[in-house]
Amino acid sequence: MVVSLGRPHRTVACVALLLVGPGALATESNLQLTSPLVWVMVSISAAGAIVTFAFLVYAVVKFRDSAAKGRRYG
């Protein structure tokens, strides 16, 4: 069923769209709202990975077996 709006109704509809339109376009999407949170979580996890890898390298260098120095493996 197609409803035809008369002239006064069309004017009211156009005015309502003009008033609501900019407000509706100014809202942020879900992606825009959560993007900063995602970047914070990615940076925290990257920092944790860097700290973990640095500790691994430190432990390998610090606690290597000095008696095995110069010995060939295999």
PDB file of N, CA and C in Angstrom:
ATOM      1  N   MET A   1       0.834  -1.160   0.000  1.00  0.00           N
ATOM      2  CA  MET A   1       0.000   0.000   0.000  1.00  0.00           C
ATOM      3  C   MET A   1       0.896   1.246   0.000  1.00  0.00           C
ATOM      4  N   VAL A   2       0.742   2.075  -0.952  1.00  0.00           N
ATOM      5  CA  VAL A   2       1.528   3.295  -1.079  1.00  0.00           C
ATOM      6  C   VAL A   2       0.723   4.452  -0.511  1.00  0.00           C
ATOM      7  N   VAL A   3       1.360   5.195   0.378  1.00  0.00           N
ATOM      8  CA  VAL A   3       0.685   6.333   0.994  1.00  0.00           C
ATOM      9  C   VAL A   3       1.249   7.597   0.367  1.00  0.00           C
ATOM     10  N   SER A   4       0.391   8.420  -0.136  1.00  0.00           N
ATOM     11  CA  SER A   4       0.808   9.673  -0.731  1.00  0.00           C
ATOM     12  C   SER A   4       0.608  10.787   0.286  1.00  0.00           C
ATOM     13  N   LEU A   5       1.663  11.530   0.532  1.00  0.00           N
ATOM     14  CA  LEU A   5       1.572  12.644   1.464  1.00  0.00           C
ATOM     15  C   LEU A   5       1.116  13.888   0.721  1.00  0.00           C
ATOM     16  N   GLY A   6       0.192  14.579   1.317  1.00  0.00           N
ATOM     17  CA  GLY A   6      -0.268  15.835   0.721  1.00  0.00           C
ATOM     18  C   GLY A   6       0.779  16.913   0.929  1.00  0.00           C
ATOM     19  N   ARG A   7       0.535  18.079   0.383  1.00  0.00           N
ATOM     20  CA  ARG A   7       1.498  19.185   0.441  1.00  0.00           C
ATOM     21  C   ARG A   7       1.875  19.581   1.880  1.00  0.00           C
ATOM     22  N   PRO A   8       0.939  19.783   2.808  1.00  0.00           N
ATOM     23  CA  PRO A   8       1.334  20.173   4.168  1.00  0.00           C
ATOM     24  C   PRO A   8       2.125  19.084   4.877  1.00  0.00           C
ATOM     25  N   HIS A   9       1.753  17.840   4.650  1.00  0.00           N
ATOM     26  CA  HIS A   9       2.447  16.731   5.303  1.00  0.00           C
ATOM     27  C   HIS A   9       3.875  16.592   4.774  1.00  0.00           C
ATOM     28  N   ARG A  10       4.021  16.837   3.484  1.00  0.00           N
ATOM     29  CA  ARG A  10       5.353  16.765   2.890  1.00  0.00           C
ATOM     30  C   ARG A  10       6.264  17.848   3.469  1.00  0.00           C
ATOM     31  N   THR A  11       5.721  19.020   3.667  1.00  0.00           N
ATOM     32  CA  THR A  11       6.500  20.115   4.241  1.00  0.00           C
ATOM     33  C   THR A  11       6.932  19.784   5.664  1.00  0.00           C
ATOM     34  N   VAL A  12       6.015  19.240   6.441  1.00  0.00           N
ATOM     35  CA  VAL A  12       6.342  18.857   7.810  1.00  0.00           C
ATOM     36  C   VAL A  12       7.409  17.761   7.812  1.00  0.00           C
ATOM     37  N   ALA A  13       7.297  16.804   6.909  1.00  0.00           N
ATOM     38  CA  ALA A  13       8.276  15.724   6.829  1.00  0.00           C
ATOM     39  C   ALA A  13       9.653  16.262   6.440  1.00  0.00           C
ATOM     40  N   CYS A  14       9.699  17.205   5.505  1.00  0.00           N
ATOM     41  CA  CYS A  14      10.985  17.788   5.091  1.00  0.00           C
ATOM     42  C   CYS A  14      11.620  18.583   6.220  1.00  0.00           C
ATOM     43  N   VAL A  15      10.815  19.351   6.947  1.00  0.00           N
ATOM     44  CA  VAL A  15      11.345  20.116   8.069  1.00  0.00           C
ATOM     45  C   VAL A  15      11.866  19.176   9.148  1.00  0.00           C
ATOM     46  N   ALA A  16      11.141  18.099   9.416  1.00  0.00           N
ATOM     47  CA  ALA A  16      11.583  17.128  10.420  1.00  0.00           C
ATOM     48  C   ALA A  16      12.895  16.475   9.997  1.00  0.00           C
ATOM     49  N   LEU A  17      13.026  16.144   8.727  1.00  0.00           N
ATOM     50  CA  LEU A  17      14.282  15.562   8.242  1.00  0.00           C
ATOM     51  C   LEU A  17      15.435  16.552   8.353  1.00  0.00           C
ATOM     52  N   LEU A  18      15.180  17.804   8.080  1.00  0.00           N
ATOM     53  CA  LEU A  18      16.236  18.807   8.187  1.00  0.00           C
ATOM     54  C   LEU A  18      16.668  19.006   9.637  1.00  0.00           C
ATOM     55  N   LEU A  19      15.729  18.910  10.554  1.00  0.00           N
ATOM     56  CA  LEU A  19      16.070  19.090  11.965  1.00  0.00           C
ATOM     57  C   LEU A  19      16.763  17.872  12.556  1.00  0.00           C
ATOM     58  N   VAL A  20      16.338  16.685  12.162  1.00  0.00           N
ATOM     59  CA  VAL A  20      16.888  15.450  12.719  1.00  0.00           C
ATOM     60  C   VAL A  20      18.121  15.001  11.952  1.00  0.00           C
ATOM     61  N   GLY A  21      18.201  15.318  10.682  1.00  0.00           N
ATOM     62  CA  GLY A  21      19.269  14.841   9.813  1.00  0.00           C
ATOM     63  C   GLY A  21      20.673  15.123  10.308  1.00  0.00           C
ATOM     64  N   PRO A  22      21.036  16.372  10.592  1.00  0.00           N
ATOM     65  CA  PRO A  22      22.408  16.643  11.040  1.00  0.00           C
ATOM     66  C   PRO A  22      22.748  15.940  12.351  1.00  0.00           C
ATOM     67  N   GLY A  23      21.784  15.830  13.245  1.00  0.00           N
ATOM     68  CA  GLY A  23      22.034  15.121  14.502  1.00  0.00           C
ATOM     69  C   GLY A  23      22.277  13.640  14.279  1.00  0.00           C
ATOM     70  N   ALA A  24      21.547  13.083  13.340  1.00  0.00           N
ATOM     71  CA  ALA A  24      21.712  11.661  13.044  1.00  0.00           C
ATOM     72  C   ALA A  24      23.037  11.403  12.342  1.00  0.00           C
ATOM     73  N   LEU A  25      23.467  12.342  11.524  1.00  0.00           N
ATOM     74  CA  LEU A  25      24.735  12.166  10.825  1.00  0.00           C
ATOM     75  C   LEU A  25      25.929  12.416  11.735  1.00  0.00           C
ATOM     76  N   ALA A  26      25.736  13.154  12.814  1.00  0.00           N
ATOM     77  CA  ALA A  26      26.849  13.487  13.694  1.00  0.00           C
ATOM     78  C   ALA A  26      27.165  12.382  14.691  1.00  0.00           C
ATOM     79  N   THR A  27      26.321  11.381  14.793  1.00  0.00           N
ATOM     80  CA  THR A  27      26.583  10.310  15.756  1.00  0.00           C
ATOM     81  C   THR A  27      27.718   9.434  15.253  1.00  0.00           C
ATOM     82  N   GLU A  28      28.449   8.849  16.198  1.00  0.00           N
ATOM     83  CA  GLU A  28      29.576   7.981  15.847  1.00  0.00           C
ATOM     84  C   GLU A  28      29.102   6.538  15.736  1.00  0.00           C
ATOM     85  N   SER A  29      29.768   5.782  14.882  1.00  0.00           N
ATOM     86  CA  SER A  29      29.438   4.376  14.732  1.00  0.00           C
ATOM     87  C   SER A  29      30.059   3.572  15.872  1.00  0.00           C
ATOM     88  N   ASN A  30      29.664   2.327  15.972  1.00  0.00           N
ATOM     89  CA  ASN A  30      30.231   1.453  17.001  1.00  0.00           C
ATOM     90  C   ASN A  30      31.737   1.284  16.813  1.00  0.00           C
ATOM     91  N   LEU A  31      32.182   1.214  15.568  1.00  0.00           N
ATOM     92  CA  LEU A  31      33.613   1.083  15.304  1.00  0.00           C
ATOM     93  C   LEU A  31      34.376   2.312  15.777  1.00  0.00           C
ATOM     94  N   GLN A  32      33.814   3.488  15.525  1.00  0.00           N
ATOM     95  CA  GLN A  32      34.478   4.712  15.963  1.00  0.00           C
ATOM     96  C   GLN A  32      34.494   4.821  17.484  1.00  0.00           C
ATOM     97  N   LEU A  33      33.492   4.300  18.140  1.00  0.00           N
ATOM     98  CA  LEU A  33      33.441   4.360  19.590  1.00  0.00           C
ATOM     99  C   LEU A  33      34.417   3.382  20.241  1.00  0.00           C
ATOM    100  N   THR A  34      34.596   2.212  19.656  1.00  0.00           N
ATOM    101  CA  THR A  34      35.445   1.194  20.272  1.00  0.00           C
ATOM    102  C   THR A  34      36.881   1.220  19.769  1.00  0.00           C
ATOM    103  N   SER A  35      37.170   1.960  18.722  1.00  0.00           N
ATOM    104  CA  SER A  35      38.518   1.981  18.163  1.00  0.00           C
ATOM    105  C   SER A  35      39.584   2.423  19.166  1.00  0.00           C
ATOM    106  N   PRO A  36      39.378   3.488  19.945  1.00  0.00           N
ATOM    107  CA  PRO A  36      40.410   3.845  20.931  1.00  0.00           C
ATOM    108  C   PRO A  36      40.650   2.748  21.963  1.00  0.00           C
ATOM    109  N   LEU A  37      39.602   2.078  22.381  1.00  0.00           N
ATOM    110  CA  LEU A  37      39.744   0.986  23.341  1.00  0.00           C
ATOM    111  C   LEU A  37      40.549  -0.164  22.737  1.00  0.00           C
ATOM    112  N   VAL A  38      40.299  -0.469  21.491  1.00  0.00           N
ATOM    113  CA  VAL A  38      41.046  -1.538  20.814  1.00  0.00           C
ATOM    114  C   VAL A  38      42.523  -1.177  20.729  1.00  0.00           C
ATOM    115  N   TRP A  39      42.844   0.082  20.403  1.00  0.00           N
ATOM    116  CA  TRP A  39      44.249   0.491  20.309  1.00  0.00           C
ATOM    117  C   TRP A  39      44.931   0.432  21.664  1.00  0.00           C
ATOM    118  N   VAL A  40      44.218   0.789  22.733  1.00  0.00           N
ATOM    119  CA  VAL A  40      44.796   0.691  24.074  1.00  0.00           C
ATOM    120  C   VAL A  40      45.084  -0.764  24.410  1.00  0.00           C
ATOM    121  N   MET A  41      44.159  -1.655  24.099  1.00  0.00           N
ATOM    122  CA  MET A  41      44.362  -3.077  24.391  1.00  0.00           C
ATOM    123  C   MET A  41      45.507  -3.659  23.568  1.00  0.00           C
ATOM    124  N   VAL A  42      45.623  -3.253  22.311  1.00  0.00           N
ATOM    125  CA  VAL A  42      46.720  -3.736  21.460  1.00  0.00           C
ATOM    126  C   VAL A  42      48.058  -3.233  21.992  1.00  0.00           C
ATOM    127  N   SER A  43      48.121  -1.977  22.417  1.00  0.00           N
ATOM    128  CA  SER A  43      49.388  -1.453  22.928  1.00  0.00           C
ATOM    129  C   SER A  43      49.770  -2.099  24.253  1.00  0.00           C
ATOM    130  N   ILE A  44      48.796  -2.375  25.114  1.00  0.00           N
ATOM    131  CA  ILE A  44      49.100  -3.069  26.370  1.00  0.00           C
ATOM    132  C   ILE A  44      49.623  -4.474  26.098  1.00  0.00           C
ATOM    133  N   SER A  45      48.995  -5.172  25.166  1.00  0.00           N
ATOM    134  CA  SER A  45      49.450  -6.538  24.868  1.00  0.00           C
ATOM    135  C   SER A  45      50.821  -6.526  24.187  1.00  0.00           C
ATOM    136  N   ALA A  46      51.079  -5.550  23.331  1.00  0.00           N
ATOM    137  CA  ALA A  46      52.402  -5.455  22.694  1.00  0.00           C
ATOM    138  C   ALA A  46      53.472  -5.139  23.733  1.00  0.00           C
ATOM    139  N   ALA A  47      53.163  -4.251  24.666  1.00  0.00           N
ATOM    140  CA  ALA A  47      54.124  -3.937  25.729  1.00  0.00           C
ATOM    141  C   ALA A  47      54.396  -5.165  26.593  1.00  0.00           C
ATOM    142  N   GLY A  48      53.364  -5.932  26.895  1.00  0.00           N
ATOM    143  CA  GLY A  48      53.554  -7.161  27.661  1.00  0.00           C
ATOM    144  C   GLY A  48      54.406  -8.174  26.918  1.00  0.00           C
ATOM    145  N   ALA A  49      54.195  -8.288  25.620  1.00  0.00           N
ATOM    146  CA  ALA A  49      55.000  -9.215  24.820  1.00  0.00           C
ATOM    147  C   ALA A  49      56.460  -8.779  24.782  1.00  0.00           C
ATOM    148  N   ILE A  50      56.704  -7.484  24.668  1.00  0.00           N
ATOM    149  CA  ILE A  50      58.079  -6.976  24.642  1.00  0.00           C
ATOM    150  C   ILE A  50      58.773  -7.233  25.976  1.00  0.00           C
ATOM    151  N   VAL A  51      58.073  -6.976  27.091  1.00  0.00           N
ATOM    152  CA  VAL A  51      58.652  -7.224  28.413  1.00  0.00           C
ATOM    153  C   VAL A  51      58.941  -8.705  28.608  1.00  0.00           C
ATOM    154  N   THR A  52      58.026  -9.562  28.188  1.00  0.00           N
ATOM    155  CA  THR A  52      58.219 -11.003  28.326  1.00  0.00           C
ATOM    156  C   THR A  52      59.420 -11.481  27.503  1.00  0.00           C
ATOM    157  N   PHE A  53      59.526 -11.013  26.263  1.00  0.00           N
ATOM    158  CA  PHE A  53      60.636 -11.418  25.416  1.00  0.00           C
ATOM    159  C   PHE A  53      61.956 -10.886  25.966  1.00  0.00           C
ATOM    160  N   ALA A  54      61.959  -9.656  26.487  1.00  0.00           N
ATOM    161  CA  ALA A  54      63.182  -9.095  27.069  1.00  0.00           C
ATOM    162  C   ALA A  54      63.626  -9.915  28.279  1.00  0.00           C
ATOM    163  N   PHE A  55      62.684 -10.334  29.118  1.00  0.00           N
ATOM    164  CA  PHE A  55      63.028 -11.168  30.268  1.00  0.00           C
ATOM    165  C   PHE A  55      63.567 -12.521  29.817  1.00  0.00           C
ATOM    166  N   LEU A  56      63.011 -13.078  28.752  1.00  0.00           N
ATOM    167  CA  LEU A  56      63.500 -14.348  28.222  1.00  0.00           C
ATOM    168  C   LEU A  56      64.952 -14.213  27.757  1.00  0.00           C
ATOM    169  N   VAL A  57      65.238 -13.154  27.017  1.00  0.00           N
ATOM    170  CA  VAL A  57      66.603 -12.937  26.538  1.00  0.00           C
ATOM    171  C   VAL A  57      67.551 -12.724  27.716  1.00  0.00           C
ATOM    172  N   TYR A  58      67.122 -11.935  28.706  1.00  0.00           N
ATOM    173  CA  TYR A  58      67.939 -11.696  29.900  1.00  0.00           C
ATOM    174  C   TYR A  58      68.238 -13.005  30.627  1.00  0.00           C
ATOM    175  N   ALA A  59      67.220 -13.858  30.791  1.00  0.00           N
ATOM    176  CA  ALA A  59      67.420 -15.121  31.504  1.00  0.00           C
ATOM    177  C   ALA A  59      68.350 -16.048  30.738  1.00  0.00           C
ATOM    178  N   VAL A  60      68.251 -16.095  29.430  1.00  0.00           N
ATOM    179  CA  VAL A  60      69.129 -16.958  28.633  1.00  0.00           C
ATOM    180  C   VAL A  60      70.571 -16.479  28.733  1.00  0.00           C
ATOM    181  N   VAL A  61      70.783 -15.171  28.680  1.00  0.00           N
ATOM    182  CA  VAL A  61      72.144 -14.634  28.758  1.00  0.00           C
ATOM    183  C   VAL A  61      72.702 -14.764  30.171  1.00  0.00           C
ATOM    184  N   LYS A  62      71.911 -14.462  31.162  1.00  0.00           N
ATOM    185  CA  LYS A  62      72.376 -14.440  32.552  1.00  0.00           C
ATOM    186  C   LYS A  62      72.667 -15.846  33.087  1.00  0.00           C
ATOM    187  N   PHE A  63      71.816 -16.792  32.772  1.00  0.00           N
ATOM    188  CA  PHE A  63      71.922 -18.120  33.373  1.00  0.00           C
ATOM    189  C   PHE A  63      72.422 -19.187  32.416  1.00  0.00           C
ATOM    190  N   ARG A  64      73.205 -18.811  31.405  1.00  0.00           N
ATOM    191  CA  ARG A  64      73.747 -19.830  30.507  1.00  0.00           C
ATOM    192  C   ARG A  64      74.869 -20.592  31.219  1.00  0.00           C
ATOM    193  N   ASP A  65      75.098 -21.781  30.787  1.00  0.00           N
ATOM    194  CA  ASP A  65      76.091 -22.644  31.422  1.00  0.00           C
ATOM    195  C   ASP A  65      77.480 -22.244  30.933  1.00  0.00           C
ATOM    196  N   SER A  66      78.280 -21.719  31.829  1.00  0.00           N
ATOM    197  CA  SER A  66      79.616 -21.277  31.417  1.00  0.00           C
ATOM    198  C   SER A  66      80.534 -22.453  31.132  1.00  0.00           C
ATOM    199  N   ALA A  67      80.240 -23.648  31.677  1.00  0.00           N
ATOM    200  CA  ALA A  67      81.073 -24.832  31.419  1.00  0.00           C
ATOM    201  C   ALA A  67      80.903 -25.318  29.977  1.00  0.00           C
ATOM    202  N   ALA A  68      79.833 -24.936  29.336  1.00  0.00           N
ATOM    203  CA  ALA A  68      79.572 -25.380  27.964  1.00  0.00           C
ATOM    204  C   ALA A  68      80.173 -24.429  26.935  1.00  0.00           C
ATOM    205  N   LYS A  69      80.905 -23.430  27.397  1.00  0.00           N
ATOM    206  CA  LYS A  69      81.480 -22.440  26.492  1.00  0.00           C
ATOM    207  C   LYS A  69      82.525 -23.107  25.592  1.00  0.00           C
ATOM    208  N   GLY A  70      82.397 -22.930  24.322  1.00  0.00           N
ATOM    209  CA  GLY A  70      83.337 -23.495  23.374  1.00  0.00           C
ATOM    210  C   GLY A  70      83.072 -24.945  23.023  1.00  0.00           C
ATOM    211  N   ARG A  71      82.155 -25.576  23.711  1.00  0.00           N
ATOM    212  CA  ARG A  71      81.841 -26.968  23.421  1.00  0.00           C
ATOM    213  C   ARG A  71      80.894 -27.029  22.239  1.00  0.00           C
ATOM    214  N   ARG A  72      81.145 -27.999  21.374  1.00  0.00           N
ATOM    215  CA  ARG A  72      80.294 -28.150  20.201  1.00  0.00           C
ATOM    216  C   ARG A  72      79.161 -29.101  20.526  1.00  0.00           C
ATOM    217  N   TYR A  73      78.013 -28.763  20.047  1.00  0.00           N
ATOM    218  CA  TYR A  73      76.835 -29.605  20.271  1.00  0.00           C
ATOM    219  C   TYR A  73      76.596 -30.450  19.026  1.00  0.00           C
ATOM    220  N   GLY A  74      76.072 -31.658  19.248  1.00  0.00           N
ATOM    221  CA  GLY A  74      75.698 -32.526  18.131  1.00  0.00           C
ATOM    222  C   GLY A  74      76.795 -33.406  17.773  1.00  0.00           C
TER     223      GLY A  74
END
